[in-house]
N, C-alpha and C. Protein backbone atom coordinates (compact mmCIF):
# COMPACT_ATOMS: atom_id res chain seq x y z
N MET A 1 94.37 113.34 76.62
CA MET A 1 93.92 113.83 77.91
C MET A 1 94.73 115.07 78.31
N VAL A 2 94.24 115.76 79.35
CA VAL A 2 94.85 117.01 79.74
C VAL A 2 96.27 116.83 80.23
N ARG A 3 97.14 117.79 79.89
CA ARG A 3 98.51 117.75 80.37
C ARG A 3 98.96 119.10 80.92
N ASP A 4 98.20 120.15 80.63
CA ASP A 4 98.64 121.51 80.95
C ASP A 4 98.36 121.82 82.42
N PRO A 5 99.41 121.94 83.27
CA PRO A 5 99.18 122.19 84.68
C PRO A 5 98.59 123.56 84.96
N VAL A 6 98.72 124.50 84.02
CA VAL A 6 98.13 125.83 84.20
C VAL A 6 96.62 125.76 84.04
N ALA A 7 96.16 124.94 83.09
CA ALA A 7 94.73 124.88 82.79
C ALA A 7 93.98 123.88 83.64
N THR A 8 94.67 123.03 84.36
CA THR A 8 94.03 121.94 85.08
C THR A 8 94.38 121.99 86.56
N ASP A 9 93.36 121.82 87.40
CA ASP A 9 93.59 121.73 88.84
C ASP A 9 93.74 120.26 89.20
N TRP A 10 94.99 119.79 89.26
CA TRP A 10 95.22 118.38 89.55
C TRP A 10 94.69 118.00 90.92
N PHE A 11 94.62 118.95 91.83
CA PHE A 11 94.18 118.65 93.19
C PHE A 11 92.66 118.50 93.29
N ALA A 12 91.94 118.76 92.19
CA ALA A 12 90.49 118.60 92.20
C ALA A 12 90.06 117.15 92.08
N PHE A 13 90.97 116.26 91.70
CA PHE A 13 90.63 114.84 91.58
C PHE A 13 90.57 114.19 92.96
N ASP A 14 89.87 113.07 93.04
CA ASP A 14 89.76 112.35 94.31
C ASP A 14 90.93 111.39 94.53
N ALA A 15 91.56 110.94 93.44
CA ALA A 15 92.66 109.99 93.57
C ALA A 15 93.71 110.23 92.50
N TRP A 16 94.96 110.05 92.90
CA TRP A 16 96.07 110.06 91.95
C TRP A 16 96.62 108.64 91.84
N LEU A 17 96.73 108.16 90.62
CA LEU A 17 97.28 106.83 90.35
C LEU A 17 98.62 107.05 89.64
N VAL A 18 99.70 106.73 90.30
CA VAL A 18 101.02 107.18 89.88
C VAL A 18 101.89 106.02 89.40
N ASP A 19 102.48 106.19 88.23
CA ASP A 19 103.47 105.25 87.71
C ASP A 19 104.76 105.38 88.52
N LEU A 20 105.63 104.40 88.42
CA LEU A 20 106.88 104.42 89.18
C LEU A 20 108.09 104.77 88.34
N ASP A 21 108.51 103.86 87.46
CA ASP A 21 109.77 104.03 86.72
C ASP A 21 109.68 105.16 85.71
N GLY A 22 110.57 106.13 85.84
CA GLY A 22 110.59 107.28 84.95
C GLY A 22 109.65 108.38 85.39
N THR A 23 108.82 108.10 86.39
CA THR A 23 107.87 109.10 86.89
C THR A 23 108.29 109.62 88.25
N LEU A 24 108.51 108.73 89.21
CA LEU A 24 108.92 109.16 90.54
C LEU A 24 110.42 109.41 90.62
N TYR A 25 111.15 108.98 89.62
CA TYR A 25 112.58 109.28 89.56
C TYR A 25 112.99 109.44 88.10
N ARG A 26 114.11 110.14 87.88
CA ARG A 26 114.61 110.33 86.53
C ARG A 26 115.33 109.06 86.09
N GLN A 27 114.80 108.42 85.07
CA GLN A 27 115.23 107.08 84.72
C GLN A 27 116.60 107.04 84.04
N LEU A 28 116.91 108.02 83.18
CA LEU A 28 118.16 107.96 82.41
C LEU A 28 119.39 107.92 83.30
N PRO A 29 119.56 108.83 84.26
CA PRO A 29 120.77 108.76 85.08
C PRO A 29 120.86 107.48 85.92
N VAL A 30 119.71 106.95 86.33
CA VAL A 30 119.72 105.69 87.09
C VAL A 30 120.19 104.56 86.18
N ARG A 31 119.69 104.52 84.96
CA ARG A 31 120.10 103.47 84.02
C ARG A 31 121.59 103.58 83.69
N LEU A 32 122.09 104.79 83.53
CA LEU A 32 123.51 104.97 83.24
C LEU A 32 124.36 104.50 84.42
N ALA A 33 123.93 104.83 85.62
CA ALA A 33 124.67 104.40 86.81
C ALA A 33 124.66 102.89 86.93
N MET A 34 123.52 102.27 86.67
CA MET A 34 123.42 100.81 86.76
C MET A 34 124.21 100.14 85.64
N ALA A 35 124.25 100.77 84.47
CA ALA A 35 125.03 100.21 83.37
C ALA A 35 126.51 100.19 83.73
N ALA A 36 126.98 101.27 84.35
CA ALA A 36 128.39 101.32 84.78
C ALA A 36 128.66 100.26 85.84
N GLU A 37 127.72 100.08 86.75
CA GLU A 37 127.88 99.08 87.80
C GLU A 37 127.90 97.67 87.20
N LEU A 38 127.06 97.44 86.22
CA LEU A 38 127.05 96.14 85.56
C LEU A 38 128.37 95.84 84.86
N VAL A 39 128.90 96.84 84.18
CA VAL A 39 130.17 96.65 83.46
C VAL A 39 131.29 96.30 84.44
N LEU A 40 131.27 96.94 85.61
CA LEU A 40 132.33 96.73 86.60
C LEU A 40 132.16 95.43 87.38
N LEU A 41 130.90 95.12 87.75
CA LEU A 41 130.67 94.03 88.70
C LEU A 41 129.92 92.83 88.12
N GLY A 42 129.22 93.04 87.00
CA GLY A 42 128.43 91.92 86.50
C GLY A 42 128.22 91.94 85.01
N PRO A 43 129.30 92.04 84.22
CA PRO A 43 129.14 92.14 82.76
C PRO A 43 128.44 90.95 82.14
N HIS A 44 128.57 89.77 82.75
CA HIS A 44 127.92 88.58 82.20
C HIS A 44 126.41 88.61 82.40
N ARG A 45 125.93 89.56 83.20
CA ARG A 45 124.49 89.66 83.47
C ARG A 45 123.79 90.64 82.52
N ILE A 46 124.55 91.40 81.75
CA ILE A 46 123.96 92.43 80.88
C ILE A 46 123.00 91.80 79.88
N ARG A 47 123.39 90.69 79.30
CA ARG A 47 122.54 90.03 78.30
C ARG A 47 121.21 89.61 78.92
N ALA A 48 121.23 89.14 80.16
CA ALA A 48 120.01 88.72 80.83
C ALA A 48 119.07 89.89 81.07
N ILE A 49 119.63 91.02 81.53
CA ILE A 49 118.81 92.21 81.79
C ILE A 49 118.18 92.72 80.49
N LYS A 50 118.97 92.76 79.43
CA LYS A 50 118.45 93.24 78.14
C LYS A 50 117.33 92.33 77.64
N ALA A 51 117.51 91.01 77.79
CA ALA A 51 116.48 90.07 77.32
C ALA A 51 115.19 90.25 78.10
N PHE A 52 115.30 90.45 79.40
CA PHE A 52 114.10 90.64 80.24
C PHE A 52 113.36 91.91 79.85
N ARG A 53 114.11 93.00 79.66
CA ARG A 53 113.47 94.26 79.25
C ARG A 53 112.86 94.14 77.86
N ARG A 54 113.55 93.44 76.97
CA ARG A 54 113.04 93.27 75.61
C ARG A 54 111.70 92.52 75.61
N GLU A 55 111.58 91.53 76.47
CA GLU A 55 110.33 90.78 76.53
C GLU A 55 109.19 91.63 77.08
N GLN A 56 109.49 92.57 77.97
CA GLN A 56 108.43 93.46 78.44
C GLN A 56 107.90 94.33 77.31
N GLU A 57 108.81 94.90 76.54
CA GLU A 57 108.38 95.74 75.43
C GLU A 57 107.63 94.93 74.38
N GLN A 58 108.03 93.67 74.20
CA GLN A 58 107.31 92.80 73.26
C GLN A 58 105.90 92.53 73.76
N LEU A 59 105.76 92.25 75.05
CA LEU A 59 104.44 92.04 75.63
C LEU A 59 103.59 93.30 75.50
N ARG A 60 104.20 94.46 75.75
CA ARG A 60 103.47 95.72 75.64
C ARG A 60 103.00 95.95 74.20
N SER A 61 103.86 95.62 73.24
CA SER A 61 103.50 95.76 71.83
C SER A 61 102.35 94.84 71.46
N GLU A 62 102.36 93.63 71.99
CA GLU A 62 101.28 92.69 71.72
C GLU A 62 99.96 93.19 72.29
N ILE A 63 100.01 93.77 73.48
CA ILE A 63 98.80 94.33 74.09
C ILE A 63 98.27 95.48 73.26
N ALA A 64 99.17 96.37 72.82
CA ALA A 64 98.75 97.52 72.02
C ALA A 64 98.12 97.09 70.70
N SER A 65 98.56 95.95 70.16
CA SER A 65 98.02 95.47 68.88
C SER A 65 96.74 94.67 69.05
N GLY A 66 96.37 94.41 70.32
CA GLY A 66 95.15 93.65 70.57
C GLY A 66 95.33 92.16 70.59
N ALA A 67 96.58 91.69 70.57
CA ALA A 67 96.83 90.24 70.59
C ALA A 67 96.47 89.67 71.94
N PRO A 68 95.87 88.47 71.99
CA PRO A 68 95.54 87.84 73.27
C PRO A 68 96.79 87.41 74.01
N SER A 69 96.70 87.34 75.34
CA SER A 69 97.83 86.88 76.14
C SER A 69 98.12 85.42 75.83
N ALA A 70 99.43 85.10 75.70
CA ALA A 70 99.81 83.73 75.38
C ALA A 70 99.44 82.77 76.50
N ASP A 71 99.53 83.21 77.74
CA ASP A 71 99.17 82.38 78.89
C ASP A 71 98.55 83.27 79.95
N PRO A 72 97.23 83.52 79.87
CA PRO A 72 96.58 84.44 80.79
C PRO A 72 96.63 84.00 82.25
N SER A 73 97.01 82.73 82.50
CA SER A 73 97.10 82.27 83.89
C SER A 73 98.34 82.81 84.58
N ASP A 74 99.34 83.20 83.80
CA ASP A 74 100.57 83.78 84.35
C ASP A 74 100.48 85.30 84.40
N SER A 75 101.12 85.90 85.40
CA SER A 75 101.21 87.36 85.45
C SER A 75 102.16 87.82 84.35
N PRO A 76 102.07 89.09 83.95
CA PRO A 76 103.00 89.59 82.93
C PRO A 76 104.46 89.39 83.34
N TYR A 77 104.74 89.55 84.62
CA TYR A 77 106.11 89.38 85.12
C TYR A 77 106.58 87.95 84.91
N GLU A 78 105.72 86.98 85.22
CA GLU A 78 106.08 85.57 85.03
C GLU A 78 106.26 85.25 83.55
N GLN A 79 105.41 85.85 82.70
CA GLN A 79 105.55 85.65 81.26
C GLN A 79 106.89 86.19 80.77
N GLN A 80 107.29 87.36 81.27
CA GLN A 80 108.58 87.92 80.89
C GLN A 80 109.72 86.98 81.26
N LEU A 81 109.69 86.50 82.49
CA LEU A 81 110.74 85.61 82.96
C LEU A 81 110.80 84.35 82.10
N THR A 82 109.65 83.76 81.84
CA THR A 82 109.60 82.51 81.08
C THR A 82 110.13 82.71 79.67
N ARG A 83 109.68 83.77 79.02
CA ARG A 83 110.07 84.02 77.64
C ARG A 83 111.55 84.40 77.54
N ALA A 84 112.02 85.25 78.47
CA ALA A 84 113.43 85.65 78.44
C ALA A 84 114.34 84.47 78.75
N ALA A 85 113.94 83.62 79.70
CA ALA A 85 114.76 82.44 80.02
C ALA A 85 114.85 81.51 78.81
N ALA A 86 113.74 81.35 78.09
CA ALA A 86 113.76 80.49 76.90
C ALA A 86 114.68 81.08 75.83
N ALA A 87 114.64 82.40 75.66
CA ALA A 87 115.49 83.04 74.65
C ALA A 87 116.97 82.91 75.01
N LEU A 88 117.25 82.92 76.31
CA LEU A 88 118.63 82.84 76.77
C LEU A 88 119.11 81.41 76.97
N ASN A 89 118.16 80.48 76.92
CA ASN A 89 118.46 79.07 77.18
C ASN A 89 119.06 78.89 78.58
N CYS A 90 118.39 79.51 79.56
CA CYS A 90 118.83 79.39 80.95
C CYS A 90 117.63 79.06 81.81
N SER A 91 117.85 78.77 83.07
CA SER A 91 116.73 78.45 83.95
C SER A 91 115.99 79.72 84.34
N ARG A 92 114.68 79.58 84.53
CA ARG A 92 113.87 80.72 84.95
C ARG A 92 114.31 81.22 86.32
N ASP A 93 114.65 80.32 87.23
CA ASP A 93 115.03 80.72 88.58
C ASP A 93 116.34 81.51 88.59
N SER A 94 117.30 81.11 87.78
CA SER A 94 118.56 81.84 87.74
C SER A 94 118.35 83.24 87.16
N LEU A 95 117.50 83.33 86.15
CA LEU A 95 117.20 84.65 85.58
C LEU A 95 116.47 85.52 86.61
N ALA A 96 115.53 84.92 87.34
CA ALA A 96 114.77 85.68 88.34
C ALA A 96 115.69 86.27 89.39
N LYS A 97 116.72 85.55 89.80
CA LYS A 97 117.67 86.06 90.78
C LYS A 97 118.44 87.26 90.25
N VAL A 98 118.85 87.18 88.98
CA VAL A 98 119.58 88.30 88.36
C VAL A 98 118.68 89.53 88.28
N VAL A 99 117.45 89.34 87.82
CA VAL A 99 116.51 90.45 87.70
C VAL A 99 116.24 91.08 89.06
N ARG A 100 116.00 90.25 90.06
CA ARG A 100 115.73 90.75 91.40
C ARG A 100 116.89 91.60 91.91
N GLU A 101 118.11 91.08 91.75
CA GLU A 101 119.28 91.80 92.28
C GLU A 101 119.54 93.09 91.54
N TRP A 102 119.55 93.02 90.19
CA TRP A 102 120.04 94.14 89.39
C TRP A 102 118.95 95.12 88.94
N MET A 103 117.69 94.72 88.99
CA MET A 103 116.64 95.63 88.55
C MET A 103 115.74 96.10 89.69
N GLU A 104 115.79 95.41 90.83
CA GLU A 104 114.92 95.80 91.94
C GLU A 104 115.69 96.28 93.16
N CYS A 105 116.76 95.56 93.53
CA CYS A 105 117.46 95.86 94.78
C CYS A 105 118.61 96.86 94.61
N ARG A 106 119.55 96.56 93.72
CA ARG A 106 120.73 97.41 93.57
C ARG A 106 120.41 98.85 93.15
N PRO A 107 119.37 99.11 92.34
CA PRO A 107 119.12 100.50 91.95
C PRO A 107 118.73 101.42 93.11
N GLY A 108 118.38 100.86 94.27
CA GLY A 108 117.85 101.67 95.36
C GLY A 108 118.69 102.87 95.73
N LYS A 109 119.99 102.69 95.80
CA LYS A 109 120.87 103.80 96.21
C LYS A 109 120.87 104.92 95.19
N TRP A 110 120.66 104.58 93.91
CA TRP A 110 120.62 105.60 92.86
C TRP A 110 119.26 106.29 92.82
N LEU A 111 118.20 105.56 93.13
CA LEU A 111 116.86 106.15 93.10
C LEU A 111 116.77 107.34 94.06
N ARG A 112 117.38 107.20 95.22
CA ARG A 112 117.35 108.30 96.20
C ARG A 112 117.99 109.56 95.64
N LEU A 113 119.05 109.38 94.85
CA LEU A 113 119.76 110.54 94.30
C LEU A 113 118.97 111.23 93.21
N PHE A 114 118.20 110.45 92.44
CA PHE A 114 117.55 111.01 91.25
C PHE A 114 116.03 111.01 91.34
N ARG A 115 115.50 110.96 92.56
CA ARG A 115 114.05 111.01 92.71
C ARG A 115 113.53 112.39 92.34
N ARG A 116 112.31 112.44 91.89
CA ARG A 116 111.67 113.72 91.52
C ARG A 116 111.07 114.32 92.79
N ARG A 117 111.85 115.12 93.46
CA ARG A 117 111.45 115.65 94.76
C ARG A 117 110.19 116.49 94.68
N SER A 118 110.07 117.29 93.62
CA SER A 118 108.91 118.17 93.52
C SER A 118 107.62 117.37 93.35
N LEU A 119 107.67 116.30 92.56
CA LEU A 119 106.48 115.47 92.37
C LEU A 119 106.14 114.73 93.66
N LEU A 120 107.13 114.19 94.34
CA LEU A 120 106.88 113.51 95.61
C LEU A 120 106.28 114.48 96.63
N ALA A 121 106.73 115.72 96.60
CA ALA A 121 106.15 116.73 97.50
C ALA A 121 104.69 117.00 97.14
N GLU A 122 104.39 117.02 95.83
CA GLU A 122 102.99 117.20 95.40
C GLU A 122 102.11 116.06 95.88
N VAL A 123 102.63 114.83 95.76
CA VAL A 123 101.86 113.67 96.23
C VAL A 123 101.57 113.80 97.72
N ALA A 124 102.58 114.22 98.48
CA ALA A 124 102.40 114.39 99.93
C ALA A 124 101.36 115.47 100.22
N GLU A 125 101.40 116.56 99.46
CA GLU A 125 100.42 117.63 99.66
C GLU A 125 99.02 117.16 99.30
N PHE A 126 98.89 116.43 98.19
CA PHE A 126 97.59 115.91 97.78
C PHE A 126 96.99 115.04 98.88
N ARG A 127 97.82 114.19 99.48
CA ARG A 127 97.34 113.33 100.57
C ARG A 127 96.94 114.16 101.79
N SER A 128 97.68 115.23 102.05
CA SER A 128 97.36 116.07 103.20
C SER A 128 96.02 116.77 103.03
N ARG A 129 95.59 116.92 101.77
CA ARG A 129 94.29 117.53 101.49
C ARG A 129 93.16 116.50 101.47
N GLY A 130 93.49 115.25 101.76
CA GLY A 130 92.47 114.21 101.79
C GLY A 130 92.40 113.35 100.55
N GLY A 131 93.29 113.56 99.58
CA GLY A 131 93.29 112.76 98.37
C GLY A 131 93.81 111.35 98.62
N LYS A 132 93.36 110.40 97.80
CA LYS A 132 93.81 109.03 97.88
C LYS A 132 94.87 108.78 96.80
N THR A 133 95.79 107.87 97.08
CA THR A 133 96.89 107.65 96.14
C THR A 133 97.16 106.16 95.95
N ALA A 134 97.58 105.81 94.74
CA ALA A 134 97.99 104.45 94.43
C ALA A 134 99.22 104.49 93.55
N LEU A 135 100.07 103.51 93.70
CA LEU A 135 101.24 103.33 92.86
C LEU A 135 100.92 102.17 91.92
N VAL A 136 101.06 102.39 90.61
CA VAL A 136 100.73 101.36 89.61
C VAL A 136 101.95 101.15 88.73
N SER A 137 102.52 99.94 88.79
CA SER A 137 103.79 99.69 88.11
C SER A 137 103.77 98.39 87.31
N ASP A 138 104.49 98.38 86.20
CA ASP A 138 104.65 97.17 85.39
C ASP A 138 105.83 96.32 85.87
N TYR A 139 106.51 96.76 86.92
CA TYR A 139 107.57 95.99 87.56
C TYR A 139 107.27 95.88 89.05
N PRO A 140 107.86 94.93 89.77
CA PRO A 140 107.74 94.90 91.23
C PRO A 140 108.15 96.25 91.81
N ALA A 141 107.43 96.71 92.81
CA ALA A 141 107.60 98.09 93.25
C ALA A 141 108.14 98.26 94.67
N GLN A 142 107.99 97.27 95.53
CA GLN A 142 108.27 97.48 96.95
C GLN A 142 109.73 97.88 97.21
N ALA A 143 110.68 97.19 96.58
CA ALA A 143 112.09 97.52 96.82
C ALA A 143 112.42 98.92 96.34
N LYS A 144 111.85 99.31 95.21
CA LYS A 144 112.13 100.65 94.68
C LYS A 144 111.47 101.73 95.53
N LEU A 145 110.26 101.46 96.02
CA LEU A 145 109.62 102.43 96.91
C LEU A 145 110.43 102.62 98.18
N ALA A 146 111.01 101.52 98.68
CA ALA A 146 111.87 101.64 99.86
C ALA A 146 113.10 102.48 99.54
N GLY A 147 113.68 102.25 98.35
CA GLY A 147 114.83 103.04 97.94
C GLY A 147 114.51 104.52 97.81
N LEU A 148 113.32 104.82 97.33
CA LEU A 148 112.87 106.20 97.19
C LEU A 148 112.41 106.81 98.51
N ARG A 149 112.23 105.93 99.51
CA ARG A 149 111.65 106.34 100.81
C ARG A 149 110.28 106.97 100.60
N ALA A 150 109.48 106.31 99.77
CA ALA A 150 108.18 106.87 99.39
C ALA A 150 107.01 105.93 99.63
N ALA A 151 107.25 104.79 100.27
CA ALA A 151 106.17 103.82 100.47
C ALA A 151 105.00 104.43 101.25
N HIS A 152 105.31 105.34 102.18
CA HIS A 152 104.27 105.93 103.02
C HIS A 152 103.34 106.87 102.24
N LEU A 153 103.70 107.19 101.00
CA LEU A 153 102.89 108.13 100.22
C LEU A 153 101.75 107.47 99.47
N PHE A 154 101.64 106.14 99.54
CA PHE A 154 100.64 105.45 98.73
C PHE A 154 99.76 104.53 99.58
N ASP A 155 98.45 104.68 99.37
CA ASP A 155 97.48 103.85 100.08
C ASP A 155 97.44 102.44 99.51
N VAL A 156 97.69 102.33 98.21
CA VAL A 156 97.57 101.06 97.50
C VAL A 156 98.74 100.93 96.54
N VAL A 157 99.27 99.71 96.40
CA VAL A 157 100.30 99.43 95.40
C VAL A 157 99.81 98.29 94.52
N VAL A 158 99.77 98.54 93.21
CA VAL A 158 99.38 97.53 92.22
C VAL A 158 100.57 97.36 91.29
N ALA A 159 101.28 96.24 91.44
CA ALA A 159 102.53 96.07 90.70
C ALA A 159 102.63 94.68 90.10
N SER A 160 103.04 94.61 88.84
CA SER A 160 103.28 93.34 88.18
C SER A 160 104.41 92.61 88.91
N GLY A 161 104.20 91.31 89.16
CA GLY A 161 105.20 90.53 89.89
C GLY A 161 104.99 90.51 91.38
N GLU A 162 103.96 91.21 91.86
CA GLU A 162 103.61 91.20 93.27
C GLU A 162 102.17 90.73 93.45
N VAL A 163 101.84 90.28 94.64
CA VAL A 163 100.49 89.77 94.92
C VAL A 163 99.46 90.85 94.61
N GLY A 164 98.42 90.45 93.87
CA GLY A 164 97.36 91.40 93.52
C GLY A 164 97.70 92.30 92.36
N GLY A 165 98.77 91.95 91.62
CA GLY A 165 99.18 92.77 90.49
C GLY A 165 98.24 92.64 89.30
N PRO A 166 98.46 93.45 88.25
CA PRO A 166 97.57 93.44 87.09
C PRO A 166 97.75 92.19 86.24
N SER A 167 96.72 91.87 85.48
CA SER A 167 96.78 90.71 84.60
C SER A 167 97.48 91.02 83.29
N ARG A 168 97.59 92.30 82.95
CA ARG A 168 98.25 92.70 81.71
C ARG A 168 99.01 93.99 81.94
N LEU A 169 100.05 94.19 81.14
CA LEU A 169 100.85 95.41 81.23
C LEU A 169 100.11 96.58 80.60
N LYS A 170 100.53 97.79 80.92
CA LYS A 170 100.08 98.97 80.19
C LYS A 170 100.53 98.83 78.73
N PRO A 171 99.75 99.26 77.76
CA PRO A 171 98.62 100.17 77.83
C PRO A 171 97.27 99.55 78.17
N ALA A 172 97.21 98.27 78.54
CA ALA A 172 95.95 97.74 79.07
C ALA A 172 95.62 98.49 80.36
N PRO A 173 94.35 98.71 80.65
CA PRO A 173 93.97 99.55 81.79
C PRO A 173 93.85 98.81 83.11
N GLU A 174 94.08 97.48 83.14
CA GLU A 174 93.79 96.70 84.34
C GLU A 174 94.42 97.24 85.61
N GLY A 175 95.70 97.62 85.54
CA GLY A 175 96.38 98.10 86.74
C GLY A 175 95.70 99.32 87.33
N TYR A 176 95.37 100.28 86.48
CA TYR A 176 94.74 101.50 86.98
C TYR A 176 93.31 101.25 87.45
N LEU A 177 92.59 100.37 86.77
CA LEU A 177 91.23 100.05 87.20
C LEU A 177 91.24 99.31 88.54
N LEU A 178 92.21 98.42 88.72
CA LEU A 178 92.33 97.74 90.01
C LEU A 178 92.62 98.75 91.12
N ALA A 179 93.51 99.71 90.85
CA ALA A 179 93.84 100.72 91.85
C ALA A 179 92.62 101.54 92.22
N ALA A 180 91.85 101.97 91.22
CA ALA A 180 90.65 102.76 91.49
C ALA A 180 89.65 101.96 92.32
N GLU A 181 89.49 100.68 91.98
CA GLU A 181 88.56 99.82 92.72
C GLU A 181 88.99 99.68 94.18
N ARG A 182 90.28 99.47 94.41
CA ARG A 182 90.77 99.29 95.77
C ARG A 182 90.74 100.57 96.59
N LEU A 183 90.83 101.70 95.90
CA LEU A 183 90.69 102.99 96.58
C LEU A 183 89.23 103.39 96.75
N GLN A 184 88.35 102.67 96.07
CA GLN A 184 86.90 102.97 96.06
C GLN A 184 86.63 104.37 95.51
N VAL A 185 87.27 104.63 94.36
CA VAL A 185 87.10 105.91 93.67
C VAL A 185 86.68 105.62 92.24
N SER A 186 85.68 106.34 91.73
CA SER A 186 85.22 106.17 90.36
C SER A 186 86.34 106.54 89.38
N PRO A 187 86.49 105.79 88.27
CA PRO A 187 87.56 106.11 87.30
C PRO A 187 87.56 107.56 86.84
N ASP A 188 86.38 108.15 86.67
CA ASP A 188 86.34 109.53 86.17
C ASP A 188 86.82 110.55 87.20
N ARG A 189 87.05 110.11 88.44
CA ARG A 189 87.57 110.98 89.48
C ARG A 189 89.05 110.69 89.77
N CYS A 190 89.67 109.88 88.88
CA CYS A 190 91.07 109.51 89.04
C CYS A 190 91.96 110.24 88.04
N LEU A 191 93.14 110.63 88.49
CA LEU A 191 94.16 111.20 87.62
C LEU A 191 95.33 110.24 87.56
N VAL A 192 95.68 109.83 86.35
CA VAL A 192 96.87 109.00 86.12
C VAL A 192 98.07 109.91 85.90
N ILE A 193 99.15 109.65 86.60
CA ILE A 193 100.38 110.43 86.45
C ILE A 193 101.48 109.48 85.98
N GLY A 194 102.04 109.74 84.80
CA GLY A 194 103.06 108.85 84.27
C GLY A 194 103.93 109.55 83.26
N ASP A 195 105.01 108.87 82.85
CA ASP A 195 105.96 109.49 81.94
C ASP A 195 105.80 109.05 80.49
N ARG A 196 105.03 107.95 80.25
CA ARG A 196 104.95 107.40 78.90
C ARG A 196 103.55 107.56 78.32
N GLU A 197 103.46 108.34 77.26
CA GLU A 197 102.18 108.51 76.56
C GLU A 197 101.70 107.18 75.99
N ASP A 198 102.63 106.36 75.47
CA ASP A 198 102.24 105.12 74.82
C ASP A 198 101.85 104.03 75.81
N ALA A 199 102.15 104.21 77.08
CA ALA A 199 101.81 103.22 78.09
C ALA A 199 100.81 103.80 79.10
N ASP A 200 101.26 104.75 79.92
CA ASP A 200 100.38 105.35 80.93
C ASP A 200 99.24 106.14 80.30
N GLY A 201 99.56 106.92 79.27
CA GLY A 201 98.52 107.73 78.63
C GLY A 201 97.45 106.88 77.97
N GLN A 202 97.87 105.88 77.23
CA GLN A 202 96.91 104.99 76.57
C GLN A 202 96.09 104.23 77.60
N ALA A 203 96.73 103.74 78.64
CA ALA A 203 96.00 103.02 79.69
C ALA A 203 94.97 103.92 80.36
N ALA A 204 95.35 105.17 80.60
CA ALA A 204 94.41 106.12 81.20
C ALA A 204 93.18 106.31 80.31
N ARG A 205 93.40 106.47 79.03
CA ARG A 205 92.27 106.64 78.12
C ARG A 205 91.37 105.41 78.10
N HIS A 206 91.99 104.22 78.06
CA HIS A 206 91.20 102.99 78.08
C HIS A 206 90.37 102.87 79.36
N ALA A 207 90.87 103.45 80.45
CA ALA A 207 90.18 103.38 81.74
C ALA A 207 89.24 104.57 81.97
N ALA A 208 89.15 105.48 80.99
CA ALA A 208 88.33 106.70 81.10
C ALA A 208 88.81 107.58 82.26
N MET A 209 90.13 107.71 82.38
CA MET A 209 90.73 108.55 83.40
C MET A 209 91.51 109.69 82.77
N ALA A 210 91.72 110.75 83.52
CA ALA A 210 92.54 111.87 83.05
C ALA A 210 94.01 111.48 83.15
N PHE A 211 94.85 112.16 82.39
CA PHE A 211 96.27 111.83 82.34
C PHE A 211 97.12 113.08 82.45
N ARG A 212 98.12 113.02 83.30
CA ARG A 212 99.13 114.06 83.42
C ARG A 212 100.48 113.45 83.08
N GLN A 213 101.14 113.96 82.07
CA GLN A 213 102.42 113.40 81.66
C GLN A 213 103.58 114.12 82.34
N ILE A 214 104.49 113.34 82.88
CA ILE A 214 105.70 113.87 83.50
C ILE A 214 106.85 113.73 82.52
N LEU A 215 107.47 114.83 82.16
CA LEU A 215 108.54 114.83 81.15
C LEU A 215 109.90 114.99 81.81
């Protein structure tokens, strides 16, 4: 899909469907800051965080290969928690508390420092022109949006681990299709904005939407 901002008028679309992690903020410095914080304040939690992230990438790989969901009744977030807890031989609830604290709440102060100000300004301008916007994330999004001070920029939030979230992770298109449906915008009039070609880009193609990659 199109990526060249010179050749494409991004503002011609009716809706922007925007990824969160790595898109609205620069992910590497946030991860480095959180890694330092973990070493100082919670080194025993590092293994839990790594296991949870590893299970997400495993689920994403399974989706990309066309494998059916192991338990379609559970959200992807719940599947991650269950699988990571089993791998760690710990309770799901104890793991959920660690994930909530260290992956959703504590990063907030760093997100403000490393947010992509120019992109957030573009989203605000797009809305001022009458465009509709949605945030589509494979992780819970509300705490991070609060940290970014960007919740007001989105009409709809579709996030794994939150009410109304997608049934499958990207590159499956469910999250973006749900966002388009809730915005009442046809998929061909939607622009997906994300940082990962293998996740956001593939999902956009599966949903018949245009894609703009943020590097």
